[in-house]
Amino acid sequence: MDFELPPHIPELLRELDDFIEREIKPLEQQDDNIRFFDHRREWARTDWENGGIPRKEWEDLLAEMRRRADRAGWLRFAVPRKYGGRDGTNLEMAIIREHLAKKGLGLHNDLQNESSVVGNFPTVKMWEQFGTEEQKKEFLEGMFTGKTRVAFGLTEPNHGSDATWLETRAVRDGDEWVINGKKRFNSGLHNATHDLIFARTSGEEGKAQGISCFIVPTNAEGFSVDFMWWTMNMPSDHAEVTLKDVRVPATAMLGKEGDGLALANTFVHENRIRQAASGVGAAQYCIDRSVEYAKQRVTFGQPLATRQAIQWPLAELQTECEMVRWMVYRTAWLLDQKHHMEISDKVAMCNYRANRLACNAADLAIQVHGGIGYTRHMPFEHIYRHHRRYRITEGSDEIQIRRIAQVMFGMGSSRKPEA
């Protein structure tokens, strides 16, 4: 067994840090752009008078960050070389995502918007595996440049984790499909050009087979963005959507008819392990800031760090952080070696424990910092609000634990599907 990280990693991270200091930090500081990251961040980012969506100035700044990162060869790091990427591995991405999150808030790696100088494009595999050549040509390059922006419409008012019970229906009418239904928390619809709509086309309720995926233009007749849900983490692009007799051509189907839910399985595990790595990085940032503060803060004539009431919770949290970090590294490495369905339980372990870890670390950082920790002048409330949602989205804690139990008790598939 060799627990040494790949030898090229330290130099890779140094190059990344140099790029951030040279290109991103100056951009963050100019024109008062720091308002998007200091105590004014939620106000500065949110267009409160326009449904709570992101302000144009905020998204323009993020777009410029992505352009610079793409020009420098970082944005598409994990993308295959044929699409302009560097074939980054899951292990490399886990290490990078942790490294960026450990830096704290900043334009290099925004939490609320999920934008980063090293982009996360987990749906590339989905388009590659299920898209036609025409679909790949239109949507893959457009995803990197921002020309096409595709949202993901699976969750509904009455169905979240139980996606096989979704109520949206699509009926074939000649060369078209007619879609009716509702979607909830359909993120990105303040500016999306298309929406991946999952609808039942056949089969029984509660069964995965029979659900299909359609690429629906957001300007299609009958497609309505009703409002944005205001969440703990503002601004919001999490839409309530109604589809009323929306017609799309048969060519708008992504993948095979009735096999739509298989699309999500092509990228969900990569997305979850990267999310877990970010959680470890955020937790380490909170721990480091708390230790630093405890050494400097003097109460009752002594540094706060001398008290076991401060030492021990941080020591326990650091212990958990070390354990989860190495579980994330190993699972990311396994994702590079095996079919993702063979280790879905390991990914679930990493995901729910890292999400909890980040929330617990942010909460403890607030406590250690006392009153000042509760203010927006400190970053901890923002970190908490962001990572708290991951205990629900991308598979709730309960769904992750359920997956682990399925494998333990032999109640769910843990093997690579037959070709």
Protein backbone atom coordinates (compact mmCIF):
# COMPACT_ATOMS: atom_id res chain seq x y z
CA MET A 1 0.00 0.00 0.00
CA ASP A 2 1.26 3.44 -0.93
CA PHE A 3 -0.40 6.48 0.64
CA GLU A 4 1.80 9.02 -1.13
CA LEU A 5 -0.10 11.35 -3.40
CA PRO A 6 0.99 11.41 -7.06
CA PRO A 7 4.35 13.25 -7.24
CA HIS A 8 3.11 15.83 -9.76
CA ILE A 9 0.35 17.08 -7.43
CA PRO A 10 2.40 19.63 -5.38
CA GLU A 11 3.64 21.35 -8.54
CA LEU A 12 0.14 21.27 -10.02
CA LEU A 13 -1.26 23.03 -6.95
CA ARG A 14 1.56 25.59 -7.02
CA GLU A 15 0.78 26.40 -10.63
CA LEU A 16 -2.90 26.74 -9.76
CA ASP A 17 -2.12 29.04 -6.82
CA ASP A 18 0.12 31.18 -9.03
CA PHE A 19 -2.67 31.56 -11.56
CA ILE A 20 -5.15 32.57 -8.87
CA GLU A 21 -2.77 35.19 -7.43
CA ARG A 22 -1.88 36.53 -10.86
CA GLU A 23 -5.26 36.55 -12.59
CA ILE A 24 -8.12 36.07 -10.13
CA LYS A 25 -7.18 37.94 -6.96
CA PRO A 26 -6.64 41.27 -8.79
CA LEU A 27 -10.03 40.83 -10.46
CA GLU A 28 -11.60 40.12 -7.08
CA GLN A 29 -10.17 43.36 -5.68
CA GLN A 30 -10.89 45.76 -8.56
CA ASP A 31 -14.07 47.86 -8.91
CA ASP A 32 -15.14 46.95 -5.36
CA ASN A 33 -15.75 43.35 -6.49
CA ILE A 34 -14.86 42.33 -2.95
CA ARG A 35 -18.44 43.33 -2.06
CA PHE A 36 -19.51 39.99 -3.48
CA PHE A 37 -17.45 38.17 -0.84
CA ASP A 38 -17.35 40.34 2.30
CA HIS A 39 -20.24 41.09 4.68
CA ARG A 40 -22.22 42.61 1.79
CA ARG A 41 -22.11 39.40 -0.28
CA GLU A 42 -25.76 38.33 -0.08
CA TRP A 43 -27.06 41.83 -0.77
CA ALA A 44 -24.54 42.46 -3.56
CA ARG A 45 -25.29 39.20 -5.36
CA THR A 46 -29.09 39.25 -5.15
CA ASP A 47 -31.54 41.17 -7.32
CA TRP A 48 -34.14 41.42 -4.58
CA GLU A 49 -36.59 43.37 -6.76
CA ASN A 50 -36.46 40.82 -9.55
CA GLY A 51 -37.52 37.61 -7.86
CA GLY A 52 -34.30 37.14 -5.88
CA ILE A 53 -32.26 35.99 -8.89
CA PRO A 54 -28.51 36.69 -9.23
CA ARG A 55 -27.60 40.24 -10.22
CA LYS A 56 -26.16 40.70 -13.69
CA GLU A 57 -22.99 42.30 -12.27
CA TRP A 58 -22.36 39.22 -10.16
CA GLU A 59 -22.79 36.80 -13.03
CA ASP A 60 -20.69 38.97 -15.33
CA LEU A 61 -17.85 38.76 -12.80
CA LEU A 62 -18.15 34.98 -12.62
CA ALA A 63 -18.16 34.77 -16.41
CA GLU A 64 -14.95 36.78 -16.60
CA MET A 65 -13.37 34.50 -14.01
CA ARG A 66 -14.31 31.47 -16.10
CA ARG A 67 -12.96 33.06 -19.29
CA ARG A 68 -9.61 33.68 -17.63
CA ALA A 69 -9.51 30.16 -16.20
CA ASP A 70 -10.40 28.65 -19.57
CA ARG A 71 -7.74 30.70 -21.33
CA ALA A 72 -5.15 29.49 -18.82
CA GLY A 73 -6.16 25.84 -19.25
CA TRP A 74 -7.73 25.36 -15.82
CA LEU A 75 -11.48 25.54 -16.34
CA ARG A 76 -11.71 22.31 -18.35
CA PHE A 77 -9.05 20.46 -16.34
CA ALA A 78 -11.22 17.36 -15.78
CA VAL A 79 -12.65 17.33 -19.30
CA PRO A 80 -11.34 14.94 -22.01
CA ARG A 81 -8.62 16.42 -24.21
CA LYS A 82 -10.79 16.19 -27.30
CA TYR A 83 -13.00 18.86 -25.71
CA GLY A 84 -10.08 21.08 -24.77
CA GLY A 85 -9.48 19.57 -21.32
CA ARG A 86 -6.55 17.86 -19.60
CA ASP A 87 -8.06 14.45 -18.77
CA GLY A 88 -7.97 15.20 -15.04
CA THR A 89 -8.59 12.15 -12.88
CA ASN A 90 -11.11 11.83 -10.05
CA LEU A 91 -8.26 11.75 -7.54
CA GLU A 92 -6.71 14.91 -8.97
CA MET A 93 -10.08 16.64 -8.92
CA ALA A 94 -10.73 15.62 -5.31
CA ILE A 95 -7.37 17.03 -4.22
CA ILE A 96 -7.90 20.25 -6.20
CA ARG A 97 -11.46 20.79 -4.97
CA GLU A 98 -10.34 20.34 -1.37
CA HIS A 99 -7.41 22.69 -1.92
CA LEU A 100 -9.61 25.43 -3.36
CA ALA A 101 -12.26 25.14 -0.62
CA LYS A 102 -9.54 25.29 2.05
CA LYS A 103 -8.69 28.80 0.83
CA GLY A 104 -12.03 30.14 2.07
CA LEU A 105 -14.39 32.50 0.27
CA GLY A 106 -13.26 34.10 -2.96
CA LEU A 107 -13.70 34.40 -6.69
CA HIS A 108 -11.43 31.38 -7.19
CA ASN A 109 -14.08 28.99 -5.88
CA ASP A 110 -17.52 30.38 -5.13
CA LEU A 111 -19.84 28.35 -2.95
CA GLN A 112 -23.29 29.75 -3.64
CA ASN A 113 -22.92 29.73 -7.43
CA GLU A 114 -20.76 26.58 -7.57
CA SER A 115 -18.38 28.31 -9.98
CA SER A 116 -14.68 27.57 -9.82
CA VAL A 117 -11.48 28.23 -11.73
CA VAL A 118 -11.32 24.43 -12.05
CA GLY A 119 -14.75 23.72 -13.43
CA ASN A 120 -16.96 20.82 -12.49
CA PHE A 121 -18.55 19.45 -15.67
CA PRO A 122 -19.81 16.04 -14.57
CA THR A 123 -22.46 15.88 -17.30
CA VAL A 124 -19.83 15.53 -20.04
CA LYS A 125 -20.00 11.75 -19.69
CA MET A 126 -23.79 11.90 -19.93
CA TRP A 127 -23.69 13.79 -23.22
CA GLU A 128 -20.94 11.52 -24.54
CA GLN A 129 -22.75 8.32 -23.69
CA PHE A 130 -26.34 9.26 -24.51
CA GLY A 131 -26.22 12.24 -26.87
CA THR A 132 -26.46 12.06 -30.64
CA GLU A 133 -23.66 13.63 -32.64
CA GLU A 134 -25.84 16.67 -33.29
CA GLN A 135 -26.63 17.03 -29.57
CA LYS A 136 -22.98 16.73 -28.59
CA LYS A 137 -21.97 19.36 -31.11
CA GLU A 138 -24.59 21.80 -29.88
CA PHE A 139 -24.39 21.34 -26.13
CA LEU A 140 -20.89 20.23 -25.15
CA GLU A 141 -18.88 23.20 -26.40
CA GLY A 142 -21.74 25.53 -25.52
CA MET A 143 -21.57 24.30 -21.92
CA PHE A 144 -17.96 25.47 -21.58
CA THR A 145 -18.42 28.83 -23.27
CA GLY A 146 -21.83 29.64 -21.82
CA LYS A 147 -23.53 29.78 -25.22
CA THR A 148 -25.92 27.02 -24.19
CA ARG A 149 -26.92 26.60 -20.57
CA VAL A 150 -28.81 23.43 -19.73
CA ALA A 151 -30.78 23.05 -16.50
CA PHE A 152 -31.82 19.75 -14.90
CA GLY A 153 -35.53 19.20 -14.20
CA LEU A 154 -36.11 16.06 -12.16
CA THR A 155 -37.53 17.12 -8.76
CA GLU A 156 -41.26 17.84 -8.57
CA PRO A 157 -43.64 19.37 -6.00
CA ASN A 158 -44.68 15.93 -4.76
CA HIS A 159 -41.52 13.95 -5.53
CA GLY A 160 -37.89 14.49 -4.64
CA SER A 161 -35.83 11.46 -3.67
CA ASP A 162 -38.62 9.20 -4.96
CA ALA A 163 -38.01 10.22 -8.56
CA THR A 164 -39.49 7.00 -9.95
CA TRP A 165 -42.89 8.29 -8.85
CA LEU A 166 -42.67 11.55 -10.79
CA GLU A 167 -45.96 12.79 -12.26
CA THR A 168 -44.78 14.68 -15.36
CA ARG A 169 -45.99 12.88 -18.47
CA ALA A 170 -44.94 12.91 -22.13
CA VAL A 171 -47.22 11.50 -24.83
CA ARG A 172 -46.17 10.76 -28.42
CA ASP A 173 -48.10 12.65 -31.10
CA GLY A 174 -46.74 11.85 -34.53
CA ASP A 175 -43.18 13.19 -34.77
CA GLU A 176 -43.54 15.15 -31.53
CA TRP A 177 -43.84 14.58 -27.81
CA VAL A 178 -46.34 16.57 -25.75
CA ILE A 179 -45.19 17.20 -22.17
CA ASN A 180 -47.34 18.16 -19.17
CA GLY A 181 -46.25 18.49 -15.55
CA LYS A 182 -44.46 20.55 -12.93
CA LYS A 183 -40.87 20.78 -11.69
CA ARG A 184 -39.50 22.25 -8.46
CA PHE A 185 -36.04 23.60 -7.48
CA ASN A 186 -35.18 23.54 -11.19
CA SER A 187 -31.88 25.36 -10.77
CA GLY A 188 -30.38 27.72 -13.33
CA LEU A 189 -33.59 28.76 -15.02
CA HIS A 190 -33.00 32.48 -14.66
CA ASN A 191 -30.77 32.21 -17.73
CA ALA A 192 -30.90 28.61 -19.02
CA THR A 193 -31.41 28.11 -22.74
CA HIS A 194 -32.65 24.53 -22.30
CA ASP A 195 -33.98 22.29 -19.57
CA LEU A 196 -33.56 18.53 -19.25
CA ILE A 197 -37.10 17.44 -18.43
CA PHE A 198 -37.66 13.96 -17.07
CA ALA A 199 -41.13 12.61 -17.82
CA ARG A 200 -42.82 9.23 -17.78
CA THR A 201 -43.49 7.94 -21.27
CA SER A 202 -44.44 4.36 -20.33
CA GLY A 203 -44.24 1.80 -17.53
CA GLU A 204 -45.53 1.68 -13.98
CA GLU A 205 -45.32 4.30 -11.26
CA GLY A 206 -42.43 3.57 -8.92
CA LYS A 207 -40.41 1.84 -11.63
CA ALA A 208 -37.31 3.43 -13.15
CA GLN A 209 -38.01 1.96 -16.57
CA GLY A 210 -40.36 4.11 -18.61
CA ILE A 211 -39.01 7.54 -17.67
CA SER A 212 -37.46 9.48 -20.55
CA CYS A 213 -35.39 12.65 -20.75
CA PHE A 214 -36.15 15.52 -23.12
CA ILE A 215 -34.06 18.56 -24.08
CA VAL A 216 -36.65 21.33 -23.87
CA PRO A 217 -35.93 24.91 -25.00
CA THR A 218 -36.92 27.28 -22.21
CA ASN A 219 -38.61 29.55 -24.74
CA ALA A 220 -40.92 26.75 -25.90
CA GLU A 221 -44.63 27.57 -25.88
CA GLY A 222 -46.21 26.29 -22.67
CA PHE A 223 -42.92 26.30 -20.70
CA SER A 224 -43.34 28.63 -17.72
CA VAL A 225 -40.92 29.68 -14.98
CA ASP A 226 -43.46 30.58 -12.31
CA PHE A 227 -41.15 31.89 -9.57
CA MET A 228 -37.88 31.30 -7.73
CA TRP A 229 -37.84 29.68 -4.31
CA TRP A 230 -36.03 31.93 -1.82
CA THR A 231 -33.66 29.69 0.11
CA MET A 232 -31.22 29.94 3.02
CA ASN A 233 -28.53 30.68 0.48
CA MET A 234 -29.42 33.67 -1.70
CA PRO A 235 -29.57 34.62 -4.51
CA SER A 236 -31.80 31.92 -5.90
CA ASP A 237 -32.11 30.37 -9.32
CA HIS A 238 -34.21 27.47 -8.02
CA ALA A 239 -37.36 27.67 -10.10
CA GLU A 240 -40.89 26.36 -9.94
CA VAL A 241 -41.73 25.29 -13.50
CA THR A 242 -44.97 24.44 -15.23
CA LEU A 243 -45.14 22.59 -18.55
CA LYS A 244 -48.50 22.79 -20.30
CA ASP A 245 -48.82 21.01 -23.63
CA VAL A 246 -45.15 21.67 -24.41
CA ARG A 247 -44.28 20.18 -27.78
CA VAL A 248 -40.80 19.01 -28.70
CA PRO A 249 -39.61 16.98 -31.70
CA ALA A 250 -38.69 13.33 -31.31
CA THR A 251 -35.05 14.36 -31.78
CA ALA A 252 -35.24 16.24 -28.47
CA MET A 253 -35.06 12.99 -26.52
CA LEU A 254 -31.71 12.42 -24.82
CA GLY A 255 -30.80 8.75 -24.69
CA LYS A 256 -33.18 5.85 -25.21
CA GLU A 257 -36.89 6.07 -24.63
CA GLY A 258 -37.78 4.86 -21.16
CA ASP A 259 -34.18 4.84 -19.94
CA GLY A 260 -33.91 8.46 -18.79
CA LEU A 261 -32.96 7.85 -15.17
CA ALA A 262 -29.84 6.02 -16.34
CA LEU A 263 -28.52 9.41 -17.46
CA ALA A 264 -28.09 10.65 -13.91
CA ASN A 265 -26.11 7.57 -12.92
CA THR A 266 -23.42 8.44 -15.46
CA PHE A 267 -22.28 11.50 -13.51
CA VAL A 268 -23.78 11.51 -10.02
CA HIS A 269 -20.92 9.62 -8.38
CA GLU A 270 -18.22 11.89 -9.79
CA ASN A 271 -20.23 14.91 -8.71
CA ARG A 272 -20.73 13.56 -5.19
CA ILE A 273 -17.07 12.73 -4.58
CA ARG A 274 -16.01 16.20 -5.72
CA GLN A 275 -18.66 17.69 -3.48
CA ALA A 276 -17.34 15.62 -0.58
CA ALA A 277 -13.80 16.86 -1.25
CA SER A 278 -15.03 20.45 -1.14
CA GLY A 279 -16.70 19.69 2.18
CA VAL A 280 -13.41 18.47 3.62
CA GLY A 281 -11.65 21.61 2.41
CA ALA A 282 -14.30 23.90 3.87
CA ALA A 283 -14.14 22.03 7.18
CA GLN A 284 -10.36 22.36 7.32
CA TYR A 285 -10.64 26.08 6.63
CA CYS A 286 -13.09 26.49 9.54
CA ILE A 287 -10.84 24.47 11.85
CA ASP A 288 -7.70 26.40 10.89
CA ARG A 289 -9.41 29.77 11.35
CA SER A 290 -10.74 28.68 14.73
CA VAL A 291 -7.34 27.50 15.97
CA GLU A 292 -5.74 30.75 14.83
CA TYR A 293 -8.41 32.84 16.56
CA ALA A 294 -8.24 30.79 19.78
CA LYS A 295 -4.49 31.41 20.00
CA GLN A 296 -4.94 35.17 19.66
CA ARG A 297 -8.11 35.77 21.66
CA VAL A 298 -7.47 36.45 25.35
CA THR A 299 -10.24 35.92 27.92
CA PHE A 300 -9.93 36.05 31.71
CA GLY A 301 -6.26 36.87 31.22
CA GLN A 302 -5.37 33.77 29.14
CA PRO A 303 -5.50 32.76 25.48
CA LEU A 304 -8.73 31.01 24.58
CA ALA A 305 -6.63 28.14 23.21
CA THR A 306 -5.53 27.11 26.71
CA ARG A 307 -9.03 25.89 27.58
CA GLN A 308 -10.02 22.29 27.03
CA ALA A 309 -13.57 23.43 26.20
CA ILE A 310 -12.07 24.94 23.05
CA GLN A 311 -9.29 22.43 22.41
CA TRP A 312 -11.23 19.21 22.58
CA PRO A 313 -14.10 19.92 20.16
CA LEU A 314 -11.57 21.18 17.62
CA ALA A 315 -9.33 18.16 18.18
CA GLU A 316 -12.26 15.81 17.61
CA LEU A 317 -13.25 17.71 14.48
CA GLN A 318 -9.67 17.59 13.14
CA THR A 319 -9.62 13.84 13.74
CA GLU A 320 -12.82 13.38 11.76
CA CYS A 321 -11.51 15.66 9.02
CA GLU A 322 -8.41 13.46 8.61
CA MET A 323 -10.51 10.31 8.43
CA VAL A 324 -12.97 11.69 5.88
CA ARG A 325 -10.17 13.21 3.78
CA TRP A 326 -8.46 9.87 3.30
CA MET A 327 -11.75 8.11 2.65
CA VAL A 328 -12.46 10.68 -0.06
CA TYR A 329 -8.99 10.24 -1.59
CA ARG A 330 -9.28 6.47 -1.66
CA THR A 331 -12.79 6.51 -3.10
CA ALA A 332 -11.78 9.04 -5.77
CA TRP A 333 -8.85 6.75 -6.65
CA LEU A 334 -11.24 3.78 -6.84
CA LEU A 335 -13.48 5.76 -9.21
CA ASP A 336 -10.49 5.96 -11.53
CA GLN A 337 -9.99 2.17 -11.34
CA LYS A 338 -13.49 0.66 -11.27
CA HIS A 339 -16.99 1.13 -12.67
CA HIS A 340 -18.74 3.72 -10.54
CA MET A 341 -21.64 1.41 -9.63
CA GLU A 342 -19.21 -1.01 -7.99
CA ILE A 343 -18.33 1.56 -5.32
CA SER A 344 -21.55 3.58 -5.06
CA ASP A 345 -21.74 2.74 -1.34
CA LYS A 346 -18.25 4.16 -0.76
CA VAL A 347 -19.19 7.37 -2.58
CA ALA A 348 -22.30 7.60 -0.40
CA MET A 349 -20.19 7.24 2.75
CA CYS A 350 -17.90 10.05 1.66
CA ASN A 351 -20.71 12.30 0.58
CA TYR A 352 -22.89 12.29 3.66
CA ARG A 353 -20.02 12.31 6.15
CA ALA A 354 -18.24 15.18 4.39
CA ASN A 355 -21.43 17.21 4.18
CA ARG A 356 -22.04 16.75 7.90
CA LEU A 357 -18.42 17.51 8.63
CA ALA A 358 -18.54 20.85 6.80
CA CYS A 359 -21.73 21.89 8.60
CA ASN A 360 -20.36 20.87 12.00
CA ALA A 361 -17.08 22.68 11.36
CA ALA A 362 -18.84 25.90 10.34
CA ASP A 363 -21.10 25.71 13.39
CA LEU A 364 -18.17 25.14 15.74
CA ALA A 365 -16.22 27.99 14.12
CA ILE A 366 -19.14 30.31 14.87
CA GLN A 367 -19.11 29.12 18.49
CA VAL A 368 -15.35 29.50 18.93
CA HIS A 369 -15.42 33.01 17.49
CA GLY A 370 -18.33 33.97 19.72
CA GLY A 371 -20.40 37.00 18.79
CA ILE A 372 -18.14 38.04 15.92
CA GLY A 373 -18.47 34.53 14.48
CA TYR A 374 -22.22 35.02 14.19
CA THR A 375 -21.83 38.13 12.03
CA ARG A 376 -21.62 38.26 8.28
CA HIS A 377 -18.20 39.87 8.65
CA MET A 378 -16.99 36.31 9.23
CA PRO A 379 -17.45 33.69 6.47
CA PHE A 380 -18.81 30.88 8.60
CA GLU A 381 -22.53 31.55 8.23
CA HIS A 382 -22.08 31.56 4.45
CA ILE A 383 -20.16 28.28 4.54
CA TYR A 384 -22.83 26.73 6.75
CA ARG A 385 -25.73 27.86 4.56
CA HIS A 386 -24.06 26.53 1.44
CA HIS A 387 -23.04 23.12 2.72
CA ARG A 388 -26.28 22.60 4.64
CA ARG A 389 -28.16 22.24 1.39
CA TYR A 390 -25.95 19.34 0.33
CA ARG A 391 -27.42 17.27 3.13
CA ILE A 392 -30.65 17.40 1.09
CA THR A 393 -29.68 17.93 -2.55
CA GLU A 394 -27.57 15.54 -4.65
CA GLY A 395 -29.02 12.72 -2.54
CA SER A 396 -30.03 13.45 1.04
CA ASP A 397 -28.19 12.02 4.04
CA GLU A 398 -30.95 9.45 4.32
CA ILE A 399 -30.65 8.37 0.68
CA GLN A 400 -26.87 8.01 1.03
CA ILE A 401 -27.22 5.90 4.18
CA ARG A 402 -29.94 3.86 2.46
CA ARG A 403 -27.54 3.10 -0.38
CA ILE A 404 -24.87 1.93 2.05
CA ALA A 405 -27.41 -0.33 3.76
CA GLN A 406 -28.57 -1.73 0.41
CA VAL A 407 -25.06 -2.92 -0.35
CA MET A 408 -24.49 -4.19 3.20
CA PHE A 409 -27.67 -6.27 3.23
CA GLY A 410 -27.62 -7.30 -0.43
CA MET A 411 -30.76 -5.35 -1.28
CA GLY A 412 -29.36 -3.27 -4.14
CA SER A 413 -27.03 -3.73 -7.09
CA SER A 414 -23.39 -2.88 -6.46
CA ARG A 415 -21.97 -4.24 -9.67
CA LYS A 416 -21.27 -2.87 -13.09
CA PRO A 417 -24.37 -3.32 -15.28
CA GLU A 418 -24.07 -5.87 -18.03
CA ALA A 419 -23.34 -4.43 -21.46
